[in-house]
Protein backbone atom coordinates (compact mmCIF):
# COMPACT_ATOMS: atom_id res chain seq x y z
CA MET A 1 0.00 0.00 0.00
CA ALA A 2 1.30 3.46 -0.96
CA ALA A 3 2.34 5.77 1.86
CA ILE A 4 -0.15 8.41 2.95
CA THR A 5 0.78 11.88 1.70
CA GLU A 6 0.41 15.30 3.27
CA GLN A 7 -1.81 16.35 0.37
CA GLN A 8 -4.22 13.51 1.11
CA VAL A 9 -4.48 14.72 4.70
CA LEU A 10 -5.10 18.30 3.55
CA ASP A 11 -7.70 17.21 1.02
CA ALA A 12 -9.55 15.27 3.73
CA LEU A 13 -9.52 18.26 6.07
CA LYS A 14 -11.01 20.52 3.40
CA SER A 15 -14.36 18.99 4.28
CA ILE A 16 -14.37 20.89 7.58
CA ILE A 17 -16.03 24.31 7.18
CA ASP A 18 -15.66 27.08 9.75
CA PRO A 19 -19.25 28.36 10.22
CA ASP A 20 -18.13 31.94 10.91
CA PHE A 21 -15.66 32.40 8.07
CA ASN A 22 -17.61 30.19 5.65
CA LYS A 23 -14.38 28.63 4.40
CA ASN A 24 -12.66 25.31 5.02
CA ILE A 25 -9.97 25.13 7.67
CA VAL A 26 -7.22 24.38 5.13
CA GLU A 27 -8.04 27.46 3.06
CA LEU A 28 -8.08 29.54 6.26
CA GLY A 29 -4.59 28.33 7.16
CA PHE A 30 -5.68 26.65 10.38
CA VAL A 31 -3.95 23.31 9.62
CA LYS A 32 -0.29 23.18 10.63
CA ASP A 33 2.57 20.78 11.44
CA ILE A 34 1.36 17.65 9.67
CA ALA A 35 3.47 14.66 10.69
CA ILE A 36 3.12 11.25 9.04
CA ASP A 37 4.69 8.17 10.61
CA GLY A 38 3.42 5.09 8.79
CA GLU A 39 -0.21 4.65 9.84
CA ARG A 40 0.00 7.42 12.44
CA ILE A 41 -1.04 10.93 11.42
CA ALA A 42 -0.61 13.97 13.66
CA PHE A 43 -1.35 17.63 12.95
CA THR A 44 -2.36 20.89 14.61
CA ILE A 45 -5.48 22.99 14.09
CA GLU A 46 -4.67 26.56 15.12
CA LEU A 47 -7.86 28.53 15.83
CA THR A 48 -8.37 32.27 16.24
CA THR A 49 -9.33 31.98 19.93
CA PRO A 50 -8.98 29.36 22.67
CA ALA A 51 -12.63 30.08 23.51
CA CYS A 52 -13.84 28.81 20.12
CA PRO A 53 -17.26 27.21 20.81
CA VAL A 54 -16.79 24.56 18.08
CA LYS A 55 -13.19 23.49 18.76
CA GLU A 56 -14.16 20.04 20.01
CA GLU A 57 -16.47 19.59 17.03
CA PHE A 58 -13.51 20.47 14.78
CA ARG A 59 -11.43 17.85 16.58
CA ARG A 60 -14.13 15.21 16.08
CA GLN A 61 -14.58 16.07 12.40
CA ALA A 62 -10.82 16.09 11.78
CA GLU A 63 -10.31 12.70 13.43
CA ALA A 64 -13.16 11.24 11.38
CA ALA A 65 -12.08 12.80 8.06
CA VAL A 66 -8.43 11.76 8.27
CA GLY A 67 -9.26 8.46 9.95
CA ALA A 68 -11.37 7.51 6.92
CA LEU A 69 -8.30 7.58 4.64
CA ALA A 70 -7.10 4.15 3.52
CA GLY A 71 -4.12 3.00 5.56
CA VAL A 72 -4.62 5.37 8.51
CA GLY A 73 -4.49 3.65 11.89
CA ASP A 74 -4.23 6.51 14.40
CA VAL A 75 -5.04 10.24 14.23
CA GLN A 76 -3.77 12.77 16.75
CA VAL A 77 -5.27 16.27 16.56
CA ASN A 78 -3.69 19.08 18.57
CA ILE A 79 -5.92 22.14 19.02
CA THR A 80 -4.13 25.45 19.63
CA SER A 81 -5.00 29.09 19.09
CA GLN A 82 -3.47 32.38 18.08
CA VAL A 83 -5.64 35.37 18.96
CA GLN A 84 -5.39 38.17 16.41
CA ARG A 85 -4.61 41.69 17.51
CA GLN A 86 -7.20 44.42 17.06
CA LYS A 87 -6.29 46.57 14.06
CA THR A 88 -7.61 50.10 14.21
CA ALA A 89 -6.46 53.66 13.79
CA MET A 90 -8.43 54.76 16.87
CA GLY A 91 -6.44 55.30 20.07
CA LYS A 92 -2.96 54.22 21.10
CA ASN A 93 -2.23 50.52 21.55
CA ILE A 94 -1.34 49.30 25.03
CA PRO A 95 1.79 47.13 24.66
CA GLY A 96 1.01 43.44 24.99
CA ILE A 97 -2.79 43.74 24.84
CA LYS A 98 -4.38 42.31 21.71
CA ASN A 99 -8.06 43.14 22.28
CA ILE A 100 -10.06 45.34 24.64
CA ILE A 101 -13.67 44.49 25.52
CA ALA A 102 -15.83 47.14 27.21
CA VAL A 103 -18.65 45.70 29.34
CA ALA A 104 -21.14 48.52 29.77
CA SER A 105 -24.69 49.38 30.76
CA GLY A 106 -26.95 52.36 30.44
CA LYS A 107 -27.80 52.34 34.15
CA GLY A 108 -26.56 50.84 37.39
CA GLY A 109 -27.94 47.80 39.16
CA VAL A 110 -28.29 45.53 36.13
CA GLY A 111 -25.43 43.17 37.01
CA LYS A 112 -22.76 44.64 34.74
CA SER A 113 -19.83 43.98 37.10
CA THR A 114 -21.01 40.42 37.80
CA THR A 115 -21.16 39.88 34.05
CA ALA A 116 -17.69 41.35 33.49
CA VAL A 117 -16.13 39.21 36.22
CA ASN A 118 -17.68 35.94 35.09
CA LEU A 119 -16.91 36.73 31.44
CA ALA A 120 -13.25 37.34 32.31
CA VAL A 121 -12.92 34.18 34.41
CA ALA A 122 -14.78 32.07 31.82
CA LEU A 123 -12.41 33.28 29.10
CA ALA A 124 -9.41 32.53 31.32
CA GLN A 125 -10.73 28.99 31.87
CA THR A 126 -10.42 28.36 28.12
CA GLY A 127 -6.69 29.10 28.30
CA ALA A 128 -6.88 32.69 27.07
CA ARG A 129 -4.66 35.31 28.71
CA ILE A 130 -7.08 37.67 30.40
CA GLY A 131 -6.96 41.02 32.17
CA LEU A 132 -9.79 42.74 34.04
CA LEU A 133 -9.88 46.49 34.65
CA ASP A 134 -12.39 48.05 37.02
CA ALA A 135 -13.10 51.40 35.37
CA ASP A 136 -15.87 52.32 37.81
CA ILE A 137 -13.90 54.93 39.74
CA TYR A 138 -16.78 56.01 41.98
CA GLY A 139 -18.06 52.54 42.85
CA PRO A 140 -15.38 49.88 42.36
CA SER A 141 -16.71 46.39 43.10
CA ILE A 142 -14.18 44.18 41.33
CA PRO A 143 -11.83 43.75 44.35
CA ARG A 144 -14.58 42.04 46.35
CA MET A 145 -16.02 40.05 43.45
CA MET A 146 -12.58 38.72 42.47
CA GLY A 147 -11.65 37.72 46.02
CA LEU A 148 -8.93 40.38 46.19
CA GLU A 149 -10.45 42.68 48.79
CA GLY A 150 -7.89 44.22 51.14
CA ARG A 151 -4.89 43.43 48.95
CA LYS A 152 -2.60 46.08 47.49
CA PRO A 153 -0.81 46.08 44.12
CA GLY A 154 2.95 46.44 43.99
CA ILE A 155 4.78 49.44 42.60
CA GLU A 156 7.97 49.42 40.52
CA GLY A 157 9.03 52.95 39.73
CA LYS A 158 6.02 54.47 37.99
CA THR A 159 4.53 51.09 37.06
CA ILE A 160 1.68 49.46 39.00
CA LEU A 161 1.87 45.68 39.40
CA PRO A 162 -1.67 44.28 39.18
CA LEU A 163 -3.08 41.45 41.26
CA ASN A 164 -4.16 38.04 39.99
CA ASN A 165 -6.86 35.57 40.93
CA TYR A 166 -8.69 32.83 39.00
CA GLY A 167 -6.12 33.25 36.23
CA VAL A 168 -7.15 36.87 35.60
CA THR A 169 -4.77 39.84 35.88
CA THR A 170 -6.83 42.46 37.74
CA MET A 171 -6.60 46.18 38.49
CA SER A 172 -9.02 48.55 40.23
CA ILE A 173 -8.95 51.94 41.90
CA GLY A 174 -10.44 49.99 44.81
CA PHE A 175 -6.98 48.52 45.46
CA LEU A 176 -5.59 52.02 46.00
CA VAL A 177 -8.41 53.72 47.95
CA PRO A 178 -9.83 52.39 51.25
CA GLU A 179 -13.26 50.81 50.79
CA GLU A 180 -14.94 53.17 53.24
CA GLN A 181 -13.47 56.27 51.57
CA ALA A 182 -15.59 58.02 48.93
CA VAL A 183 -13.91 59.11 45.71
CA VAL A 184 -15.03 62.72 45.26
CA TRP A 185 -13.47 63.70 41.95
CA ARG A 186 -14.52 65.86 39.05
CA GLY A 187 -14.59 64.52 35.51
CA PRO A 188 -10.99 65.40 34.51
CA MET A 189 -9.62 63.57 37.56
CA VAL A 190 -11.68 60.49 36.69
CA SER A 191 -10.36 60.58 33.14
CA GLY A 192 -6.81 60.95 34.39
CA ALA A 193 -7.16 58.02 36.78
CA LEU A 194 -8.62 55.80 34.08
CA THR A 195 -5.82 56.72 31.68
CA GLN A 196 -3.26 55.83 34.35
CA LEU A 197 -4.93 52.49 35.10
CA LEU A 198 -4.83 51.66 31.39
CA ASN A 199 -1.29 52.76 30.59
CA ASP A 200 0.75 52.58 33.81
CA VAL A 201 -0.12 49.00 34.80
CA ALA A 202 2.13 46.03 33.98
CA TRP A 203 -0.58 44.08 32.18
CA GLY A 204 1.81 41.70 30.46
CA GLU A 205 0.74 39.77 27.36
CA LEU A 206 -3.06 39.57 27.15
CA ASP A 207 -5.38 38.15 24.53
CA TYR A 208 -8.31 40.11 25.97
CA LEU A 209 -8.60 42.96 28.49
CA VAL A 210 -12.14 43.10 29.87
CA ILE A 211 -13.09 46.55 31.16
CA ASP A 212 -15.93 46.86 33.65
CA MET A 213 -17.26 50.29 32.70
CA PRO A 214 -19.19 52.61 35.03
CA PRO A 215 -22.88 52.91 34.16
CA GLY A 216 -24.03 55.62 31.78
CA THR A 217 -22.41 57.52 28.93
CA GLY A 218 -20.08 59.96 30.65
CA ASP A 219 -16.42 60.88 31.02
CA ALA A 220 -15.07 57.35 31.48
CA GLN A 221 -16.70 56.12 28.28
CA LEU A 222 -15.40 59.06 26.27
CA THR A 223 -11.91 58.74 27.75
CA LEU A 224 -11.81 55.06 26.87
CA SER A 225 -12.96 55.60 23.29
CA GLN A 226 -10.42 58.39 22.71
CA THR A 227 -7.44 56.88 24.52
CA VAL A 228 -7.14 53.21 23.53
CA PRO A 229 -8.33 51.05 20.61
CA VAL A 230 -11.41 49.30 21.99
CA THR A 231 -12.14 46.18 19.95
CA ALA A 232 -15.81 45.96 20.86
CA SER A 233 -18.40 46.48 23.57
CA VAL A 234 -21.00 44.32 25.29
CA ILE A 235 -24.18 45.91 26.66
CA VAL A 236 -25.72 44.49 29.84
CA THR A 237 -29.37 45.10 30.63
CA THR A 238 -32.33 43.61 32.43
CA PRO A 239 -35.65 42.99 30.66
CA GLN A 240 -37.68 45.87 32.11
CA ASP A 241 -38.44 48.94 30.00
CA ILE A 242 -36.46 51.47 32.05
CA ALA A 243 -33.25 49.45 31.78
CA LEU A 244 -33.80 48.84 28.07
CA ALA A 245 -34.29 52.55 27.43
CA ASP A 246 -30.91 53.31 28.99
CA ALA A 247 -29.29 50.38 27.19
CA ARG A 248 -30.40 51.92 23.87
CA LYS A 249 -28.48 55.06 24.80
CA GLY A 250 -25.40 52.97 25.56
CA ILE A 251 -25.56 51.27 22.17
CA ALA A 252 -25.99 54.64 20.45
CA MET A 253 -23.03 56.11 22.34
CA PHE A 254 -20.62 53.32 21.37
CA ARG A 255 -21.68 53.47 17.75
CA LYS A 256 -21.21 57.23 17.73
CA VAL A 257 -17.56 56.78 18.73
CA ASN A 258 -17.12 53.90 16.24
CA ILE A 259 -16.84 51.07 18.77
CA PRO A 260 -18.65 47.93 17.57
CA VAL A 261 -21.39 46.53 19.80
CA LEU A 262 -21.14 42.74 19.87
CA GLY A 263 -24.57 42.34 21.38
CA VAL A 264 -26.72 42.41 24.48
CA VAL A 265 -26.53 40.35 27.67
CA GLU A 266 -29.94 40.02 29.30
CA ASN A 267 -29.26 39.69 33.02
CA MET A 268 -31.93 38.57 35.50
CA SER A 269 -33.71 37.16 32.47
CA VAL A 270 -35.87 34.70 34.37
CA PHE A 271 -36.31 33.55 37.96
CA ILE A 272 -36.28 29.80 38.53
CA CYS A 273 -37.88 28.80 41.82
CA PRO A 274 -35.36 26.69 43.77
CA HIS A 275 -38.19 24.71 45.37
CA CYS A 276 -40.60 23.88 42.55
CA GLY A 277 -38.58 24.72 39.45
CA GLU A 278 -41.25 27.04 38.07
CA THR A 279 -39.96 29.96 36.01
CA SER A 280 -41.13 33.55 36.43
CA HIS A 281 -40.27 36.57 34.28
CA VAL A 282 -39.95 38.97 37.19
CA PHE A 283 -38.65 41.86 35.07
CA ALA A 284 -40.82 41.28 31.97
CA GLU A 285 -40.06 39.08 28.97
CA GLY A 286 -38.58 39.52 25.51
CA GLY A 287 -37.05 42.94 26.12
CA ALA A 288 -33.51 42.07 25.11
CA GLU A 289 -34.64 40.36 21.90
CA LYS A 290 -36.60 43.46 20.95
CA LEU A 291 -33.68 45.75 21.78
CA ALA A 292 -31.26 43.64 19.75
CA ALA A 293 -33.62 43.49 16.77
CA GLU A 294 -34.10 47.26 16.82
CA ASN A 295 -30.34 47.80 16.74
CA ASP A 296 -29.32 45.12 14.23
CA SER A 297 -27.60 43.22 17.02
CA LYS A 298 -28.15 39.98 18.92
CA VAL A 299 -28.66 38.58 22.40
CA LEU A 300 -25.33 37.07 23.41
CA ALA A 301 -26.62 35.36 26.56
CA GLN A 302 -29.54 35.27 28.97
CA ILE A 303 -28.48 35.02 32.61
CA PRO A 304 -31.08 33.91 35.19
CA LEU A 305 -31.92 35.80 38.36
CA ASP A 306 -30.32 33.46 40.86
CA ILE A 307 -29.36 33.90 44.50
CA GLN A 308 -26.29 31.69 44.06
CA ILE A 309 -24.77 34.11 41.55
CA ARG A 310 -25.21 36.93 44.07
CA GLU A 311 -23.89 34.96 47.03
CA ASP A 312 -20.83 33.74 45.16
CA SER A 313 -20.08 37.26 43.91
CA ASP A 314 -20.32 38.69 47.43
CA ALA A 315 -18.02 35.91 48.66
CA GLY A 316 -15.38 36.74 46.02
CA THR A 317 -15.85 33.47 44.12
CA PRO A 318 -17.35 34.04 40.65
CA ILE A 319 -19.88 31.33 39.92
CA VAL A 320 -17.95 30.02 36.90
CA ALA A 321 -15.13 29.21 39.35
CA ALA A 322 -17.23 28.27 42.39
CA ARG A 323 -19.78 26.08 40.56
CA PRO A 324 -18.37 25.34 37.10
CA ASP A 325 -20.87 22.55 36.43
CA SER A 326 -23.95 24.67 37.15
CA LYS A 327 -26.40 25.92 34.52
CA GLN A 328 -25.61 29.47 35.60
CA ALA A 329 -21.91 28.97 34.89
CA GLU A 330 -22.78 27.41 31.53
CA ALA A 331 -24.65 30.62 30.61
CA TYR A 332 -21.49 32.66 31.24
CA ARG A 333 -19.35 30.18 29.29
CA THR A 334 -21.78 30.56 26.40
CA LEU A 335 -21.31 34.32 26.66
CA ALA A 336 -17.51 33.94 26.65
CA GLY A 337 -17.64 31.79 23.53
CA GLU A 338 -19.92 34.23 21.72
CA VAL A 339 -17.75 37.23 22.62
CA ALA A 340 -14.54 35.51 21.52
CA ARG A 341 -16.19 34.28 18.32
CA HIS A 342 -17.43 37.70 17.25
CA ILE A 343 -14.13 39.37 18.08
CA SER A 344 -12.39 36.86 15.81
CA ILE A 345 -14.84 37.78 13.05
CA LEU A 346 -14.26 41.51 13.55
CA ASN A 347 -10.49 41.12 13.45
CA ALA A 348 -10.64 38.87 10.40
CA ARG A 349 -12.67 41.46 8.54
CA LYS A 350 -9.99 44.05 9.21
CA VAL A 351 -7.37 41.82 7.54
CA ASP A 352 -9.61 41.13 4.57
CA ILE A 353 -10.56 37.52 5.32
CA PRO A 354 -14.07 37.04 3.87
CA VAL A 355 -16.50 36.13 6.66
CA VAL A 356 -20.19 35.62 7.19
CA MET A 357 -21.53 37.08 10.46
CA GLN A 358 -24.21 34.72 11.70
CA MET A 359 -26.79 36.60 13.75
CA GLN A 360 -28.91 33.78 15.02
């Protein structure tokens, strides 16, 4: 029997189509390092993010496609990733940071910080290099939610050394100001502090920096849009009309400063009774879907109203870390996959790779 060739392996793998780029993985350049040793075939599939929602499906399809070749006895598929850097003329790049994700809301009290924390930790759990910046100068909550309350960052010269927990490099004004002390600053001081937290922190090499924005459309949002290249934003809302009205303003603000809106996270979407399992739409129903449709966007995730999410956040253990097998944690992992997927699409568009954005 003739030896298996590299071309035969590549031809077999052309049957695997990436649903976002609408091209096969060979054409996209994802297949690397093919090694043939008799009946044993090994190769690498390098994806655009470690949080790719279909990476295990790709592995299964690749094993089946190559395994079906005559003479193949064993197939080893190594899945890796190389996150692309945001390419934009807006703002000055922060060394080492490939993508910046702004998690925002039109108003307070909708669970934006809880969403940002669990998104960051869920992305880190996929193997991505993640940073988390608490940009809410007046009401920083990240230190407590990340289990870092009471700890202080180091200082080397003029550089701040951030803290780390759950695999996430974290910085907040709350590390520098006592919890009981109010921050009474005018707008320019807030902008200056945010600029310092972005540029004077030793972030290291990051695939994604998640920024927990303050609510509203004020100085912090404008400073961010004018200072650094923000890859995209995520809008957090609850289903009731008053929250949706403010979320619309948030979407409009980001689009006005040319920051893409990946979609909407509907927090407190439904209450599931812990005793009988009955579901109740405490804050109305269908609001996020309507908001997304009105703005040519999509609902990235629907997070239930659940006491465990609140208790774990207050205890400094994000639910994706505290209860990784729970349905609540699965909702945040779905969000992480959707965010990473759409950022890959955005970055591919900027390097002229034809893609099809699927807005299901």
